[in-house]
Amino acid sequence: SATASANVIGSIPLTFPNQQPSLLSTLPSDHTSGQAWHIIQTNYSNGRPVRHSDFQAICNASRPKSPKDARTISHAVFDLYRCNHFQPLIEDAKCAVEGMVRSLLFVGGIEGTGSKFQVRAGVRVGKMLVDKKSGLYVATETDVVNESILKTLWMGVKNGPFQVDSEESNSEESEGEGEETSTEDEFSIEAAANVTKSIVDMLMVRASIPTKNMKKRAKRKYLRYSRCSSGPTPETIDYAVKICLQAGDDGLGMAKEILDEYAQKPFLGAAMSETIALVQEKEDEKLAATTAEAATNEDEEEGGAEEENK
C-alpha cells in the first residue's frame, strides 16, 4: 500500500508492526526542530536507538532564516552518531543537509538570500558533510550535494568579492531565530573554495575503493554503514571549478587539481568542455598578466639605468 511504502527506505523499515507511537506525536503539527530535539534528548539520553522517522522530523521542522534550527540539526547529527550509534540512511542525510541549508538561507530560498549568507550556508553544511564524525559522508547522494551545497556556494561566490562587516552579519543573523554569531571566515570566498575542494576529494574517495587500505575491522564497519558510494558527476566538477576560480591564484591551483584527479577516474565520466575552457581561460589571463608585469619591470629597470648613466 501507499502508506506501507512511505514507511520503508530501501529494505529498511522506518516503522515496525505493533510499534509504540512516536514521542514526537505529542507535539503540535507546527513544532520546531528545537522542540523535537528536546524530547529526543530527554528520552533517549541512555543511548537507546532513535527512530529514523523522528530524526527526519527534527530536520523537516527547520524554518527559513533560523540559524538556531540549523545548529539543532547539527547537534542532533553529531550527538546521535556518537552516543546512540545512529547511522544515517540516504533519506536521513538528505533531510539533514536540506534542513540546515533551509535554516541558514532567508525566506526566499537561494534567490532571496544575500551572497555572503549563501556562502555561509554552503560553508557550514559542507564542513559538516566532510566531517566523518557526522556519518553523513557515507549517506549523502551526489545530487543532494550538488543542489543543496555546491549550487548555494556558487550562487554566493559568483557575485563576490564582497565586504564582510561582522556587526552587520551578526545583526542579520539575530533577526532570525538564532543565538550564535558568524565568523568572517564563514563568509570568505577562500573558505568556500577550501570546503568545495574537501567535498570533491571526499566524493572521489567514496567512489573509488575506500576499503582497499583499511584493516579488516575498519573495512567491515565501513561496508556495514555505507549507504551511498556515488562519486562526483560532471555537474559537480563544473560547480567546484567555478567556485575555486573565484579564489584567485590559489583557487586556480585547486581547480586544476580537481580536473586532473577527475581525469584519472574515467569511470566517473568526463568533465564538460566548458569547464575545461574556464580553467584554460584563467591560465591565459594569468600568463598575460605575468608577462605584462615582467615587461613593465624591465622598462623601469632600463629607465633607471639610463638616468644613472646621465
Protein backbone atom coordinates (compact mmCIF):
# COMPACT_ATOMS: atom_id res chain seq x y z
CA SER A 1 0.00 0.00 0.00
CA ALA A 2 1.00 3.67 -0.30
CA THR A 3 1.23 4.02 3.48
CA ALA A 4 3.43 0.98 3.81
CA SER A 5 5.81 2.10 1.06
CA ALA A 6 6.10 5.54 2.68
CA ASN A 7 7.37 3.89 5.85
CA VAL A 8 10.18 1.99 4.14
CA ILE A 9 13.51 3.29 2.82
CA GLY A 10 15.10 0.66 0.60
CA SER A 11 14.84 -2.54 2.62
CA ILE A 12 14.98 -0.77 6.00
CA PRO A 13 11.62 -0.04 7.63
CA LEU A 14 11.04 3.25 9.39
CA THR A 15 8.25 1.75 11.49
CA PHE A 16 7.51 -1.77 12.63
CA PRO A 17 4.33 -3.73 13.41
CA ASN A 18 2.95 -3.13 16.91
CA GLN A 19 5.37 -0.25 17.39
CA GLN A 20 4.50 2.33 20.02
CA PRO A 21 3.58 5.80 18.73
CA SER A 22 6.45 8.21 18.39
CA LEU A 23 7.10 10.53 21.31
CA LEU A 24 7.02 13.38 18.82
CA SER A 25 3.34 12.69 18.17
CA THR A 26 2.62 14.71 21.32
CA LEU A 27 3.94 17.86 19.64
CA PRO A 28 1.76 20.23 17.59
CA SER A 29 1.94 19.95 13.82
CA ASP A 30 3.89 23.21 13.58
CA HIS A 31 6.56 22.19 16.10
CA THR A 32 10.11 23.46 15.74
CA SER A 33 13.32 21.47 15.38
CA GLY A 34 14.33 22.53 18.87
CA GLN A 35 11.13 21.20 20.45
CA ALA A 36 11.52 17.83 18.73
CA TRP A 37 15.21 17.59 19.62
CA HIS A 38 14.45 18.39 23.29
CA ILE A 39 12.11 15.38 23.51
CA ILE A 40 14.67 13.09 21.84
CA GLN A 41 17.46 14.30 24.14
CA THR A 42 15.30 13.83 27.24
CA ASN A 43 14.07 10.33 26.44
CA TYR A 44 16.99 8.81 24.54
CA SER A 45 19.93 10.06 26.62
CA ASN A 46 20.79 6.49 27.66
CA GLY A 47 21.94 5.52 24.17
CA ARG A 48 18.71 3.86 23.06
CA PRO A 49 18.18 3.57 19.27
CA VAL A 50 16.41 6.57 17.77
CA ARG A 51 13.83 6.16 15.04
CA HIS A 52 14.82 7.40 11.60
CA SER A 53 11.38 8.98 11.23
CA ASP A 54 11.97 11.01 14.41
CA PHE A 55 15.34 12.25 13.17
CA GLN A 56 13.75 13.27 9.87
CA ALA A 57 11.02 15.10 11.77
CA ILE A 58 13.68 17.20 13.52
CA CYS A 59 15.24 18.14 10.18
CA ASN A 60 11.98 18.75 8.32
CA ALA A 61 10.79 21.16 11.02
CA SER A 62 13.60 23.64 10.29
CA ARG A 63 12.48 27.14 9.34
CA PRO A 64 13.98 29.65 6.89
CA LYS A 65 16.30 32.28 8.38
CA SER A 66 16.61 30.33 11.62
CA PRO A 67 20.28 29.57 12.39
CA LYS A 68 19.15 28.11 15.70
CA ASP A 69 17.35 25.32 13.81
CA ALA A 70 20.47 24.67 11.76
CA ARG A 71 22.50 24.38 14.94
CA THR A 72 19.90 21.99 16.40
CA ILE A 73 20.18 19.70 13.37
CA SER A 74 23.96 19.81 13.59
CA HIS A 75 23.85 18.84 17.29
CA ALA A 76 21.40 16.02 16.52
CA VAL A 77 23.60 14.63 13.73
CA PHE A 78 26.80 14.55 15.80
CA ASP A 79 25.27 13.60 19.16
CA LEU A 80 23.14 10.73 17.84
CA TYR A 81 26.03 9.35 15.79
CA ARG A 82 28.35 9.45 18.80
CA CYS A 83 26.04 8.48 21.66
CA ASN A 84 23.20 6.46 20.11
CA HIS A 85 25.09 4.68 17.30
CA PHE A 86 22.71 6.35 14.85
CA GLN A 87 23.73 5.56 11.28
CA PRO A 88 22.07 7.94 8.79
CA LEU A 89 20.20 6.50 5.84
CA ILE A 90 20.12 8.21 2.46
CA GLU A 91 16.83 9.92 3.33
CA ASP A 92 18.18 10.99 6.74
CA ALA A 93 21.21 12.63 5.13
CA LYS A 94 19.03 14.38 2.55
CA CYS A 95 16.74 15.77 5.26
CA ALA A 96 19.69 16.93 7.38
CA VAL A 97 21.50 18.72 4.56
CA GLU A 98 18.37 20.34 3.12
CA GLY A 99 17.11 21.29 6.58
CA MET A 100 20.35 23.03 7.56
CA VAL A 101 20.59 24.90 4.27
CA ARG A 102 16.96 26.00 4.54
CA SER A 103 17.53 27.43 8.03
CA LEU A 104 20.68 29.30 7.00
CA LEU A 105 19.02 30.91 3.97
CA PHE A 106 16.29 33.53 4.04
CA VAL A 107 12.57 33.09 3.36
CA GLY A 108 13.02 33.35 -0.41
CA GLY A 109 15.49 30.44 -0.51
CA ILE A 110 18.68 30.76 -2.56
CA GLU A 111 17.30 33.52 -4.78
CA GLY A 112 16.09 35.56 -1.82
CA THR A 113 19.33 35.42 0.17
CA GLY A 114 22.32 37.76 0.03
CA SER A 115 25.55 36.44 -1.49
CA LYS A 116 27.58 36.32 1.70
CA PHE A 117 24.84 34.44 3.54
CA GLN A 118 24.66 31.93 0.69
CA VAL A 119 28.39 31.37 1.16
CA ARG A 120 27.94 30.98 4.91
CA ALA A 121 25.24 28.34 4.42
CA GLY A 122 27.33 26.33 1.97
CA VAL A 123 30.47 26.51 4.10
CA ARG A 124 28.75 25.40 7.32
CA VAL A 125 26.88 22.48 5.77
CA GLY A 126 29.88 21.48 3.65
CA LYS A 127 32.09 21.25 6.72
CA MET A 128 29.53 19.03 8.44
CA LEU A 129 29.28 16.79 5.38
CA VAL A 130 33.01 16.02 5.15
CA ASP A 131 33.39 15.52 8.91
CA LYS A 132 33.49 11.75 9.41
CA LYS A 133 32.11 12.16 12.93
CA SER A 134 28.74 13.12 11.41
CA GLY A 135 28.21 9.92 9.42
CA LEU A 136 26.75 11.92 6.51
CA TYR A 137 29.68 11.33 4.17
CA VAL A 138 28.59 7.72 3.54
CA ALA A 139 24.89 8.51 3.11
CA THR A 140 24.55 11.77 1.15
CA GLU A 141 23.85 11.35 -2.56
CA THR A 142 25.79 13.42 -5.08
CA ASP A 143 22.62 15.08 -6.40
CA VAL A 144 21.89 16.42 -2.90
CA VAL A 145 25.46 17.73 -2.62
CA ASN A 146 25.14 19.47 -6.00
CA GLU A 147 21.74 21.08 -5.44
CA SER A 148 21.93 21.95 -1.75
CA ILE A 149 25.60 22.76 -1.10
CA LEU A 150 27.60 23.44 -4.28
CA LYS A 151 24.82 25.37 -6.02
CA THR A 152 24.37 27.52 -2.90
CA LEU A 153 28.11 28.20 -2.73
CA TRP A 154 28.30 29.08 -6.42
CA MET A 155 25.34 31.47 -6.19
CA GLY A 156 27.17 33.24 -3.39
CA VAL A 157 30.73 33.45 -4.71
CA LYS A 158 29.87 34.43 -8.29
CA ASN A 159 28.79 37.87 -7.07
CA GLY A 160 31.93 38.33 -4.95
CA PRO A 161 34.20 39.60 -3.72
CA PHE A 162 32.07 41.36 -1.14
CA GLN A 163 32.78 43.24 2.05
CA VAL A 164 32.02 41.41 5.27
CA ASP A 165 31.02 43.56 8.22
CA SER A 166 30.97 41.39 11.34
CA GLU A 167 28.43 43.66 13.06
CA GLU A 168 26.16 43.58 10.02
CA SER A 169 26.41 39.80 9.65
CA ASN A 170 25.57 39.19 13.29
CA SER A 171 22.69 41.67 13.25
CA GLU A 172 21.27 39.92 10.17
CA GLU A 173 21.53 36.61 11.98
CA SER A 174 19.99 37.96 15.15
CA GLU A 175 16.89 38.90 13.17
CA GLY A 176 16.23 35.18 12.76
CA GLU A 177 15.72 32.56 15.42
CA GLY A 178 19.40 32.28 16.30
CA GLU A 179 21.78 32.96 19.15
CA GLU A 180 25.16 32.08 17.70
CA THR A 181 27.28 34.58 15.80
CA SER A 182 29.04 34.15 12.49
CA THR A 183 32.77 34.46 11.90
CA GLU A 184 34.17 36.40 8.97
CA ASP A 185 35.89 33.23 7.73
CA GLU A 186 32.49 31.63 7.05
CA PHE A 187 31.70 34.42 4.59
CA SER A 188 35.00 34.30 2.65
CA ILE A 189 35.40 33.05 -0.89
CA GLU A 190 38.61 31.31 0.17
CA ALA A 191 36.65 29.28 2.75
CA ALA A 192 34.12 28.36 0.05
CA ALA A 193 36.91 27.13 -2.23
CA ASN A 194 38.55 25.09 0.52
CA VAL A 195 35.27 23.43 1.54
CA THR A 196 34.46 22.71 -2.10
CA LYS A 197 37.83 21.02 -2.62
CA SER A 198 37.26 18.91 0.51
CA ILE A 199 33.82 17.84 -0.75
CA VAL A 200 35.17 16.80 -4.15
CA ASP A 201 38.02 14.88 -2.51
CA MET A 202 35.52 13.07 -0.28
CA LEU A 203 33.36 12.12 -3.27
CA MET A 204 36.41 10.93 -5.21
CA VAL A 205 37.50 8.64 -2.39
CA ARG A 206 33.97 7.37 -1.80
CA ALA A 207 33.54 6.42 -5.44
CA SER A 208 36.85 4.58 -5.59
CA ILE A 209 37.68 1.65 -3.30
CA PRO A 210 37.98 3.32 0.12
CA THR A 211 38.34 -0.05 1.87
CA LYS A 212 41.45 -1.00 -0.11
CA ASN A 213 43.92 0.11 2.56
CA MET A 214 41.68 -0.48 5.58
CA LYS A 215 42.21 -3.14 8.19
CA LYS A 216 39.60 -5.89 8.37
CA ARG A 217 37.62 -4.45 11.27
CA ALA A 218 37.52 -0.95 9.77
CA LYS A 219 36.58 -2.41 6.39
CA ARG A 220 33.66 -4.40 7.83
CA LYS A 221 32.42 -1.35 9.72
CA TYR A 222 32.60 0.90 6.65
CA LEU A 223 30.78 -1.61 4.43
CA ARG A 224 28.12 -2.16 7.11
CA TYR A 225 27.24 1.51 7.39
CA SER A 226 27.89 2.72 3.85
CA ARG A 227 24.61 3.73 2.18
CA CYS A 228 25.88 5.59 -0.86
CA SER A 229 29.02 5.28 -2.98
CA SER A 230 28.25 7.72 -5.79
CA GLY A 231 31.10 9.96 -6.84
CA PRO A 232 31.30 13.43 -8.39
CA THR A 233 29.43 14.00 -11.63
CA PRO A 234 30.41 16.41 -14.42
CA GLU A 235 27.96 18.88 -12.85
CA THR A 236 29.79 18.52 -9.52
CA ILE A 237 33.11 19.26 -11.20
CA ASP A 238 31.63 22.25 -13.04
CA TYR A 239 30.32 23.81 -9.81
CA ALA A 240 33.58 23.04 -7.98
CA VAL A 241 35.82 24.52 -10.66
CA LYS A 242 33.74 27.70 -10.97
CA ILE A 243 33.76 28.18 -7.19
CA CYS A 244 37.52 27.65 -6.90
CA LEU A 245 38.30 30.01 -9.79
CA GLN A 246 36.77 32.84 -7.78
CA ALA A 247 39.51 32.44 -5.15
CA GLY A 248 42.43 33.83 -7.19
CA ASP A 249 45.68 32.00 -7.91
CA ASP A 250 45.21 29.51 -5.06
CA GLY A 251 41.77 28.70 -6.39
CA LEU A 252 43.16 28.21 -9.89
CA GLY A 253 45.55 25.62 -8.50
CA MET A 254 42.66 23.84 -6.78
CA ALA A 255 40.58 23.87 -9.97
CA LYS A 256 43.43 22.34 -11.99
CA GLU A 257 43.96 19.69 -9.33
CA ILE A 258 40.25 18.80 -9.37
CA LEU A 259 40.26 18.40 -13.16
CA ASP A 260 43.45 16.30 -13.07
CA GLU A 261 42.07 13.96 -10.40
CA TYR A 262 38.75 13.61 -12.23
CA ALA A 263 40.53 12.80 -15.49
CA GLN A 264 42.33 9.93 -13.73
CA LYS A 265 38.96 8.32 -12.93
CA PRO A 266 37.27 7.86 -16.32
CA PHE A 267 34.64 5.56 -14.79
CA LEU A 268 33.10 8.69 -13.19
CA GLY A 269 32.63 10.43 -16.54
CA ALA A 270 34.36 13.28 -18.32
CA ALA A 271 34.46 16.94 -17.36
CA MET A 272 32.42 19.33 -19.50
CA SER A 273 34.33 21.09 -22.26
CA GLU A 274 33.02 24.41 -20.91
CA THR A 275 34.55 23.63 -17.52
CA ILE A 276 37.97 22.87 -19.03
CA ALA A 277 37.74 26.05 -21.12
CA LEU A 278 37.17 28.15 -18.00
CA VAL A 279 40.40 26.90 -16.43
CA GLN A 280 42.33 27.45 -19.65
CA GLU A 281 40.98 30.98 -19.90
CA LYS A 282 42.09 31.77 -16.35
CA GLU A 283 45.54 30.34 -17.05
CA ASP A 284 45.85 32.50 -20.18
CA GLU A 285 44.82 35.59 -18.20
CA LYS A 286 47.37 34.81 -15.50
CA LEU A 287 50.12 34.28 -18.09
CA ALA A 288 49.26 37.56 -19.87
CA ALA A 289 49.28 39.45 -16.55
CA THR A 290 52.65 37.93 -15.58
CA THR A 291 54.15 38.80 -18.97
CA ALA A 292 52.88 42.39 -18.79
CA GLU A 293 54.24 42.80 -15.26
CA ALA A 294 57.64 41.45 -16.29
CA ALA A 295 57.76 43.84 -19.28
CA THR A 296 56.86 46.79 -17.04
CA ASN A 297 59.57 45.89 -14.53
CA GLU A 298 62.11 45.56 -17.34
CA ASP A 299 61.22 49.00 -18.72
CA GLU A 300 61.56 50.53 -15.26
CA GLU A 301 64.97 48.94 -14.79
CA GLU A 302 66.15 50.20 -18.20
CA GLY A 303 64.88 53.70 -17.40
CA GLY A 304 66.69 53.69 -14.08
CA ALA A 305 69.93 52.57 -15.73
CA GLU A 306 69.72 55.37 -18.32
CA GLU A 307 69.26 58.01 -15.60
CA GLU A 308 72.30 56.69 -13.73
CA ASN A 309 74.41 56.90 -16.90
CA LYS A 310 73.41 60.54 -17.37
